[in-house]
Amino acid sequence: MQAQILNGKPSNYDTDVFTPLFEAIQKATGARPYGGVLEDLTDTAYRVIADHIRMMTFAITDGGVPGAKGRGAVVRSVLRRASRYGWQVLGTKEPFLHKLVSTVVTQMGSAFPELK
């Protein structure tokens, strides 16, 4: 919420924290740009994918891998959901999530050097 207030935006997703990820998602998928509409399914897909790629990047950096139990099951579930939104909502037909990792690392790598 602090980023939202400092940026004078109606939502955290409209701040400079998410803008680079939304641009990377658009480039990787070819979807229309993020519009910031809460009820819009395409914009929901952008938000889901951005949140999920951040979580997965940190989890995998910390040693988590997709699996059937425990945190592995969480990573797998999040990976599948992000991928599904890309395929079903944004219309991509090829793997794309790996193309977003460098944006997360660029954004968060200074504060979390283990990502590098």
Protein backbone atom coordinates (compact mmCIF):
# COMPACT_ATOMS: atom_id res chain seq x y z
CA MET A 1 0.00 0.00 0.00
CA GLN A 2 2.91 2.34 0.67
CA ALA A 3 4.06 2.10 -2.98
CA GLN A 4 0.52 2.86 -4.06
CA ILE A 5 0.38 6.00 -1.93
CA LEU A 6 3.89 7.18 -2.86
CA ASN A 7 3.12 6.73 -6.55
CA GLY A 8 -0.33 8.33 -6.23
CA LYS A 9 -1.97 5.30 -7.84
CA PRO A 10 -5.26 3.53 -7.11
CA SER A 11 -3.61 0.10 -6.79
CA ASN A 12 -0.20 -1.42 -6.04
CA TYR A 13 -0.39 -3.03 -9.47
CA ASP A 14 -0.39 0.44 -11.06
CA THR A 15 2.94 1.36 -9.45
CA ASP A 16 6.49 1.22 -10.74
CA VAL A 17 6.91 -2.07 -8.86
CA PHE A 18 4.79 -3.94 -11.41
CA THR A 19 5.18 -1.84 -14.57
CA PRO A 20 8.40 -3.56 -15.75
CA LEU A 21 6.84 -6.99 -15.21
CA PHE A 22 3.70 -6.03 -17.10
CA GLU A 23 5.85 -4.80 -19.99
CA ALA A 24 7.82 -8.07 -19.95
CA ILE A 25 4.58 -10.09 -19.91
CA GLN A 26 3.25 -8.14 -22.88
CA LYS A 27 6.50 -8.66 -24.79
CA ALA A 28 6.62 -12.39 -23.99
CA THR A 29 2.97 -13.10 -24.80
CA GLY A 30 2.00 -10.52 -27.41
CA ALA A 31 -1.08 -9.60 -25.36
CA ARG A 32 -2.53 -6.11 -25.36
CA PRO A 33 -0.99 -3.77 -22.74
CA TYR A 34 -2.10 -3.89 -19.11
CA GLY A 35 -5.01 -1.50 -18.59
CA GLY A 36 -5.44 -1.48 -14.83
CA VAL A 37 -9.11 -2.51 -14.89
CA LEU A 38 -9.95 -4.66 -11.88
CA GLU A 39 -12.82 -6.54 -13.53
CA ASP A 40 -10.98 -7.19 -16.83
CA LEU A 41 -9.84 -10.81 -17.27
CA THR A 42 -6.76 -9.86 -19.31
CA ASP A 43 -5.65 -7.42 -16.62
CA THR A 44 -6.32 -10.10 -14.00
CA ALA A 45 -4.03 -12.43 -15.95
CA TYR A 46 -1.27 -9.81 -15.89
CA ARG A 47 -1.61 -9.43 -12.12
CA VAL A 48 -1.67 -13.19 -11.48
CA ILE A 49 1.33 -13.86 -13.70
CA ALA A 50 3.34 -10.99 -12.19
CA ASP A 51 2.66 -12.11 -8.62
CA HIS A 52 3.33 -15.74 -9.45
CA ILE A 53 6.60 -15.21 -11.33
CA ARG A 54 7.91 -13.17 -8.40
CA MET A 55 6.97 -15.95 -5.95
CA MET A 56 8.42 -18.69 -8.13
CA THR A 57 11.67 -16.83 -8.72
CA PHE A 58 12.22 -16.42 -4.99
CA ALA A 59 11.09 -19.95 -4.13
CA ILE A 60 13.31 -21.61 -6.74
CA THR A 61 16.26 -19.41 -5.75
CA ASP A 62 15.71 -20.66 -2.20
CA GLY A 63 15.87 -24.29 -3.37
CA GLY A 64 12.21 -25.03 -3.96
CA VAL A 65 11.32 -27.13 -6.99
CA PRO A 66 7.97 -28.18 -8.40
CA GLY A 67 6.89 -31.41 -6.73
CA ALA A 68 4.06 -33.43 -5.27
CA LYS A 69 4.39 -32.54 -1.57
CA GLY A 70 5.01 -29.55 0.68
CA ARG A 71 6.44 -26.42 -0.82
CA GLY A 72 7.12 -28.30 -4.06
CA ALA A 73 3.38 -28.73 -4.50
CA VAL A 74 2.88 -25.01 -3.91
CA VAL A 75 5.54 -24.12 -6.49
CA ARG A 76 3.98 -26.55 -8.98
CA SER A 77 0.49 -25.18 -8.39
CA VAL A 78 1.61 -21.58 -8.80
CA LEU A 79 3.56 -22.48 -11.94
CA ARG A 80 0.55 -24.20 -13.47
CA ARG A 81 -1.82 -21.34 -12.63
CA ALA A 82 0.49 -18.69 -14.11
CA SER A 83 1.02 -20.78 -17.22
CA ARG A 84 -2.72 -21.42 -17.57
CA TYR A 85 -3.52 -17.69 -17.43
CA GLY A 86 -0.95 -17.07 -20.15
CA TRP A 87 -2.33 -19.79 -22.39
CA GLN A 88 -6.07 -19.39 -21.78
CA VAL A 89 -6.38 -15.66 -21.27
CA LEU A 90 -3.40 -14.02 -22.98
CA GLY A 91 -3.37 -16.49 -25.87
CA THR A 92 0.27 -17.55 -25.82
CA LYS A 93 0.97 -20.98 -27.29
CA GLU A 94 4.60 -21.41 -26.22
CA PRO A 95 6.32 -21.43 -22.83
CA PHE A 96 6.87 -17.85 -21.69
CA LEU A 97 7.38 -17.70 -17.93
CA HIS A 98 11.15 -18.22 -18.19
CA LYS A 99 11.34 -14.96 -20.17
CA LEU A 100 10.08 -13.02 -17.13
CA VAL A 101 12.69 -14.16 -14.61
CA SER A 102 15.35 -11.68 -15.71
CA THR A 103 12.93 -8.81 -15.06
CA VAL A 104 12.36 -10.03 -11.49
CA VAL A 105 16.11 -10.39 -10.96
CA THR A 106 16.78 -6.92 -12.39
CA GLN A 107 14.11 -5.37 -10.16
CA MET A 108 14.86 -7.25 -6.94
CA GLY A 109 18.49 -8.31 -7.31
CA SER A 110 19.96 -5.33 -5.46
CA ALA A 111 17.86 -5.94 -2.37
CA PHE A 112 18.10 -9.73 -2.69
CA PRO A 113 21.52 -10.55 -4.22
CA GLU A 114 20.88 -14.29 -3.98
CA LEU A 115 18.60 -13.88 -6.99
CA LYS A 116 21.61 -12.99 -9.11
